[in-house]
Amino acid sequence: MPEGDTVHRTAARLHAALAGAEVTGADLRWPSVPDVDLRGSTTLEVVARGKHVLQRFDTGTTLHTHLRMEGQWRVEHPGPRTDRMLRRRDLRAAVLTASWSAVGLRLGMLDLVPTARERDLVGHLGPDVLGPDWDPGRARDNLLAHPGTLVEALLDQRSLAGVGTFWASEVLFLERLHPWAPARDTDPAHLERLLIRLHRLMTAAERSGWQMTTGVQRAGEEAYVHARSGRPCRRCGDTVRVAMAGSPPRERTVFSCPSCQGGLAPTDDGRPQRPLGSSPGPRGAYRRRAP
C-alpha cells in the first residue's frame, strides 16, 4: 500500500497539473458517488491527509480518494494516451482540463462530498507525519495510549497518519524496538526519538521519491529489514523474520530482526523462513527466482 510520502507526492503532482484550471470533463465510476457534473468547476487545490487525497473545487465540493493497495493517479496530456486510459476497465476517476488529464486507476476509495464535511472522512486521523498539523508530542501520547502492540499503534492511522509497513518495520529496527511489545510500556523519550527519525526519513523520501533507510539508492538495498525475511540482518547477521500484526481481516506484514529487536513475534514458531522471491532448491537450499 502506498504510504504517506508517496501519497503526498501524488497530491503535489495533481495540484501542479490541476490547480486553477477549469474542469472540461469528468468521469467518476463509483456506485455510491452522486451523479454530479464537475464540468465548469475549478480546482482550488489538491492536498494529502495521511494516505488520503483531497481535491477541492470552487463549487464547495471535494473529491476524496484513497489508493489502498494498488491504486494510482496518472497525469497525462490530453490525447491518445488519455483516450486509451479512459477506456480501461479499472478506471475509477478522471478529471480533465484543457492542458492535463488526471486519471485514477484501481482506486480503493472514492467519495464526492461537500468540502465542509471532509472531516467525516478524515477527521479520525492522527497528526500527519508530513502535514502542517504534525505534532510529535501528540503522536507520542497517542502511541502511549494505544491498547495494542507498538507496531499496531504505529500502523493505526488514528495514532499518526501516513505510516505503513515499510516505515513501521524500518524505524522500529533502527531504534532497536520490539514490534510486539505493548505500546504503553515504551519509554516516552525513546518514542520521541523514533518520531523525530521517522519524520526526517519520510520527509527525505517525499522530496526524493525514493523510500530508503540505508542511504543506498539501489534496488534491493534500500531497506534494513522490510521485504528481507529469510536474509541476513545488515547489522548483526541474524536472519530477518516476517510475521503478521493485527487481527483478521486487518493483518499487516511486519519485518524485524529478533537479535536486534528483542526476540520473535508471538506468532513466530522460529522455523526457517524462505527469502521473499525464492523457491526451494536441492537439499532444502533456496534459490532466487528469475525476474
Protein backbone atom coordinates (compact mmCIF):
# COMPACT_ATOMS: atom_id res chain seq x y z
CA MET A 1 0.00 0.00 0.00
CA PRO A 2 1.40 3.45 -0.88
CA GLU A 3 2.48 5.25 2.28
CA GLY A 4 2.30 8.91 3.27
CA ASP A 5 5.37 10.09 1.36
CA THR A 6 4.05 8.57 -1.88
CA VAL A 7 0.57 9.99 -1.36
CA HIS A 8 1.91 13.47 -0.63
CA ARG A 9 3.95 13.36 -3.85
CA THR A 10 0.83 12.22 -5.72
CA ALA A 11 -1.19 15.13 -4.33
CA ALA A 12 1.57 17.59 -5.21
CA ARG A 13 1.67 16.31 -8.79
CA LEU A 14 -2.10 16.58 -9.11
CA HIS A 15 -2.07 20.06 -7.62
CA ALA A 16 0.60 21.25 -10.06
CA ALA A 17 -1.43 19.97 -13.01
CA LEU A 18 -4.98 20.89 -11.95
CA ALA A 19 -4.98 23.83 -9.54
CA GLY A 20 -6.53 26.94 -11.07
CA ALA A 21 -7.73 25.09 -14.17
CA GLU A 22 -11.34 24.67 -15.26
CA VAL A 23 -12.64 21.13 -15.44
CA THR A 24 -13.61 20.32 -19.04
CA GLY A 25 -14.66 16.72 -18.37
CA ALA A 26 -15.02 14.26 -15.51
CA ASP A 27 -15.86 10.60 -15.11
CA LEU A 28 -16.43 9.14 -11.63
CA ARG A 29 -17.07 5.41 -11.74
CA TRP A 30 -18.13 4.60 -8.20
CA PRO A 31 -21.59 3.32 -7.33
CA SER A 32 -22.08 5.40 -4.17
CA VAL A 33 -20.96 8.71 -5.70
CA PRO A 34 -23.79 11.11 -6.62
CA ASP A 35 -24.24 11.97 -10.27
CA VAL A 36 -22.69 15.44 -10.19
CA ASP A 37 -21.38 17.20 -13.29
CA LEU A 38 -18.00 18.71 -12.39
CA ARG A 39 -17.57 20.45 -15.73
CA GLY A 40 -17.11 24.19 -15.38
CA SER A 41 -15.79 23.97 -11.83
CA THR A 42 -12.21 24.96 -10.98
CA THR A 43 -9.79 23.01 -8.83
CA LEU A 44 -8.66 25.15 -5.91
CA GLU A 45 -6.08 22.74 -4.56
CA VAL A 46 -5.16 19.09 -4.15
CA VAL A 47 -3.77 18.09 -0.76
CA ALA A 48 -2.86 14.90 1.07
CA ARG A 49 -4.04 13.97 4.54
CA GLY A 50 -2.10 10.90 5.63
CA LYS A 51 -2.88 8.36 2.90
CA HIS A 52 -5.91 10.25 1.61
CA VAL A 53 -6.08 12.65 -1.35
CA LEU A 54 -8.48 15.62 -1.26
CA GLN A 55 -9.23 17.60 -4.44
CA ARG A 56 -11.17 20.75 -3.59
CA PHE A 57 -13.28 22.62 -6.14
CA ASP A 58 -14.57 26.20 -6.13
CA THR A 59 -18.10 24.83 -6.01
CA GLY A 60 -17.60 23.78 -2.37
CA THR A 61 -17.16 20.12 -3.32
CA THR A 62 -14.27 17.78 -2.52
CA LEU A 63 -13.25 14.65 -4.40
CA HIS A 64 -11.78 12.25 -1.83
CA THR A 65 -9.75 9.22 -2.90
CA HIS A 66 -7.60 6.59 -1.23
CA LEU A 67 -5.16 4.42 -3.17
CA ARG A 68 -5.45 1.35 -0.90
CA MET A 69 -3.14 -1.42 -2.16
CA GLU A 70 -2.96 -0.94 -5.92
CA GLY A 71 -4.46 2.44 -6.75
CA GLN A 72 -2.67 5.23 -8.56
CA TRP A 73 -3.28 8.62 -10.12
CA ARG A 74 -1.72 9.32 -13.51
CA VAL A 75 -1.25 12.76 -15.04
CA GLU A 76 -1.12 12.95 -18.83
CA HIS A 77 -1.53 15.48 -21.63
CA PRO A 78 -4.86 15.15 -23.45
CA GLY A 79 -4.52 12.91 -26.46
CA PRO A 80 -4.17 9.25 -27.41
CA ARG A 81 -2.74 8.10 -24.04
CA THR A 82 -5.59 9.73 -22.14
CA ASP A 83 -8.12 8.31 -24.59
CA ARG A 84 -6.76 4.80 -24.03
CA MET A 85 -6.85 5.15 -20.24
CA LEU A 86 -10.43 6.40 -20.34
CA ARG A 87 -11.37 3.07 -21.92
CA ARG A 88 -9.71 0.98 -19.20
CA ARG A 89 -11.91 -1.27 -17.11
CA ASP A 90 -10.00 -0.38 -13.93
CA LEU A 91 -10.65 3.36 -14.36
CA ARG A 92 -12.32 4.77 -11.26
CA ALA A 93 -12.00 8.53 -11.74
CA ALA A 94 -10.91 11.04 -14.37
CA VAL A 95 -10.69 14.84 -14.10
CA LEU A 96 -9.83 16.54 -17.37
CA THR A 97 -8.70 20.08 -18.19
CA ALA A 98 -7.55 21.72 -21.39
CA SER A 99 -3.90 21.05 -20.52
CA TRP A 100 -3.84 17.93 -18.35
CA SER A 101 -5.74 14.73 -17.68
CA ALA A 102 -5.75 13.19 -14.19
CA VAL A 103 -6.79 9.55 -14.28
CA GLY A 104 -7.32 7.41 -11.18
CA LEU A 105 -6.86 3.68 -11.69
CA ARG A 106 -7.76 0.88 -9.24
CA LEU A 107 -8.59 3.38 -6.50
CA GLY A 108 -9.62 1.83 -3.19
CA MET A 109 -11.97 4.60 -2.02
CA LEU A 110 -13.81 7.42 -3.74
CA ASP A 111 -16.23 9.98 -2.32
CA LEU A 112 -17.66 13.28 -3.51
CA VAL A 113 -18.70 15.36 -0.52
CA PRO A 114 -19.23 18.99 0.47
CA THR A 115 -15.85 20.43 1.44
CA ALA A 116 -17.34 21.42 4.79
CA ARG A 117 -17.86 17.70 5.53
CA GLU A 118 -14.33 16.46 4.80
CA ARG A 119 -13.94 15.77 8.49
CA ASP A 120 -16.48 12.95 8.16
CA LEU A 121 -13.86 11.15 6.02
CA VAL A 122 -10.51 12.15 7.56
CA GLY A 123 -11.37 13.62 10.95
CA HIS A 124 -10.39 10.39 12.71
CA LEU A 125 -6.77 10.63 11.57
CA GLY A 126 -3.94 11.44 13.94
CA PRO A 127 -1.30 14.08 13.16
CA ASP A 128 0.05 13.68 9.63
CA VAL A 129 3.79 12.91 9.66
CA LEU A 130 4.21 15.08 6.55
CA GLY A 131 1.38 17.54 7.08
CA PRO A 132 1.18 21.04 8.55
CA ASP A 133 -0.57 19.55 11.58
CA TRP A 134 2.42 17.37 12.50
CA ASP A 135 2.75 17.30 16.29
CA PRO A 136 5.27 14.76 17.63
CA GLY A 137 4.11 15.30 21.21
CA ARG A 138 0.53 14.46 20.33
CA ALA A 139 1.68 11.48 18.24
CA ARG A 140 3.77 10.21 21.19
CA ASP A 141 0.81 10.48 23.54
CA ASN A 142 -1.42 8.66 21.03
CA LEU A 143 1.07 5.82 20.79
CA LEU A 144 1.37 5.51 24.57
CA ALA A 145 -2.42 5.41 24.90
CA HIS A 146 -2.84 2.68 22.29
CA PRO A 147 -4.10 -0.63 23.72
CA GLY A 148 -2.15 -2.82 21.28
CA THR A 149 1.44 -3.56 20.38
CA LEU A 150 3.91 -0.90 19.34
CA VAL A 151 3.78 -1.81 15.66
CA GLU A 152 -0.04 -1.89 15.72
CA ALA A 153 -0.01 1.58 17.27
CA LEU A 154 2.34 2.91 14.58
CA LEU A 155 0.17 1.46 11.81
CA ASP A 156 -3.07 2.77 13.34
CA GLN A 157 -3.85 5.93 11.38
CA ARG A 158 -5.66 7.30 14.42
CA SER A 159 -2.31 7.48 16.22
CA LEU A 160 -0.45 9.23 13.43
CA ALA A 161 -1.26 9.39 9.74
CA GLY A 162 0.82 8.19 6.82
CA VAL A 163 2.82 5.28 8.25
CA GLY A 164 2.63 1.88 6.55
CA THR A 165 4.53 -1.37 6.91
CA PHE A 166 7.72 -0.11 5.24
CA TRP A 167 8.26 2.81 7.59
CA ALA A 168 6.99 0.96 10.66
CA SER A 169 9.31 -2.01 10.10
CA GLU A 170 12.31 0.17 9.29
CA VAL A 171 12.04 2.75 12.06
CA LEU A 172 11.45 0.08 14.73
CA PHE A 173 14.58 -1.72 13.52
CA LEU A 174 16.64 1.47 13.51
CA GLU A 175 15.53 2.22 17.07
CA ARG A 176 16.05 -1.41 18.21
CA LEU A 177 12.47 -1.67 19.47
CA HIS A 178 10.49 -4.90 19.69
CA PRO A 179 7.48 -4.50 17.37
CA TRP A 180 5.23 -6.70 19.50
CA ALA A 181 5.91 -5.08 22.87
CA PRO A 182 2.91 -3.26 24.38
CA ALA A 183 2.87 0.31 23.12
CA ARG A 184 2.01 1.67 26.57
CA ASP A 185 5.21 0.18 28.04
CA THR A 186 7.57 2.01 25.67
CA ASP A 187 9.87 4.67 27.11
CA PRO A 188 8.35 8.05 26.12
CA ALA A 189 11.79 9.53 25.42
CA HIS A 190 12.56 6.64 23.09
CA LEU A 191 9.27 7.20 21.28
CA GLU A 192 10.19 10.85 20.80
CA ARG A 193 13.48 9.85 19.17
CA LEU A 194 11.64 7.38 16.94
CA LEU A 195 9.18 10.05 15.80
CA ILE A 196 11.97 12.54 15.04
CA ARG A 197 13.75 9.93 12.93
CA LEU A 198 10.51 8.88 11.22
CA HIS A 199 9.67 12.46 10.26
CA ARG A 200 13.16 13.04 8.89
CA LEU A 201 13.19 9.85 6.80
CA MET A 202 9.70 10.31 5.39
CA THR A 203 10.40 13.96 4.55
CA ALA A 204 13.51 12.92 2.63
CA ALA A 205 11.52 10.24 0.78
CA GLU A 206 8.80 12.73 -0.13
CA ARG A 207 11.40 15.06 -1.62
CA SER A 208 13.45 12.43 -3.45
CA GLY A 209 10.73 9.96 -4.42
CA TRP A 210 12.88 7.12 -3.07
CA GLN A 211 11.87 5.18 0.05
CA MET A 212 15.08 4.17 1.78
CA THR A 213 16.67 3.98 5.21
CA THR A 214 20.11 2.57 4.37
CA GLY A 215 21.23 5.57 2.32
CA VAL A 216 21.71 3.33 -0.73
CA GLN A 217 19.58 4.07 -3.80
CA ARG A 218 19.97 0.68 -5.44
CA ALA A 219 17.10 -1.76 -5.94
CA GLY A 220 17.07 -4.32 -3.15
CA GLU A 221 19.43 -2.33 -0.91
CA GLU A 222 17.14 0.48 0.25
CA ALA A 223 15.93 -1.21 3.44
CA TYR A 224 17.37 -2.92 6.50
CA VAL A 225 14.55 -5.39 7.17
CA HIS A 226 11.50 -4.62 5.03
CA ALA A 227 10.90 -7.39 2.46
CA ARG A 228 14.14 -9.11 3.59
CA SER A 229 12.73 -12.06 5.53
CA GLY A 230 14.98 -15.12 5.37
CA ARG A 231 18.04 -12.98 4.61
CA PRO A 232 20.88 -11.88 6.90
CA CYS A 233 20.38 -8.79 9.02
CA ARG A 234 22.57 -5.99 7.70
CA ARG A 235 23.52 -5.09 11.29
CA CYS A 236 24.14 -8.39 13.11
CA GLY A 237 23.91 -11.19 10.53
CA ASP A 238 20.98 -13.00 12.15
CA THR A 239 18.03 -13.93 9.92
CA VAL A 240 15.38 -11.29 9.32
CA ARG A 241 11.89 -12.58 10.15
CA VAL A 242 8.39 -11.76 8.92
CA ALA A 243 5.19 -12.00 10.98
CA MET A 244 1.67 -10.62 10.94
CA ALA A 245 0.48 -7.81 13.18
CA GLY A 246 -3.13 -7.07 13.99
CA SER A 247 -6.27 -9.16 13.83
CA PRO A 248 -8.17 -10.55 10.82
CA PRO A 249 -9.09 -9.16 8.40
CA ARG A 250 -6.71 -6.25 9.02
CA GLU A 251 -3.43 -8.10 9.49
CA ARG A 252 -0.30 -6.33 8.30
CA THR A 253 3.06 -7.82 7.33
CA VAL A 254 5.94 -6.72 9.58
CA PHE A 255 9.65 -7.47 9.23
CA SER A 256 12.18 -7.45 12.06
CA CYS A 257 15.46 -8.89 13.33
CA PRO A 258 14.95 -10.94 16.52
CA SER A 259 18.52 -10.36 17.71
CA CYS A 260 18.50 -6.61 17.22
CA GLN A 261 14.91 -6.10 18.36
CA GLY A 262 14.38 -8.32 21.36
CA GLY A 263 13.03 -11.61 20.08
CA LEU A 264 10.48 -13.29 17.84
CA ALA A 265 6.90 -12.27 17.26
CA PRO A 266 4.36 -14.14 19.44
CA THR A 267 3.07 -15.94 16.34
CA ASP A 268 6.55 -16.85 15.03
CA ASP A 269 7.41 -20.50 15.67
CA GLY A 270 11.07 -19.96 14.75
CA ARG A 271 11.06 -22.27 11.76
CA PRO A 272 13.25 -21.33 8.78
CA GLN A 273 11.69 -18.73 6.52
CA ARG A 274 12.29 -18.56 2.79
CA PRO A 275 13.65 -15.31 1.38
CA LEU A 276 10.99 -13.41 -0.48
CA GLY A 277 11.12 -14.16 -4.20
CA SER A 278 12.85 -17.52 -3.71
CA SER A 279 11.78 -21.12 -4.24
CA PRO A 280 13.03 -24.35 -2.65
CA GLY A 281 16.22 -25.66 -4.24
CA PRO A 282 18.03 -29.00 -3.90
CA ARG A 283 18.55 -30.35 -0.37
CA GLY A 284 16.44 -27.63 1.16
CA ALA A 285 18.54 -24.74 -0.13
CA TYR A 286 16.85 -21.70 -1.59
CA ARG A 287 17.44 -20.07 -4.92
CA ARG A 288 16.34 -16.66 -6.13
CA ARG A 289 13.56 -16.71 -8.69
CA ALA A 290 14.44 -15.17 -12.01
CA PRO A 291 12.70 -11.84 -12.55
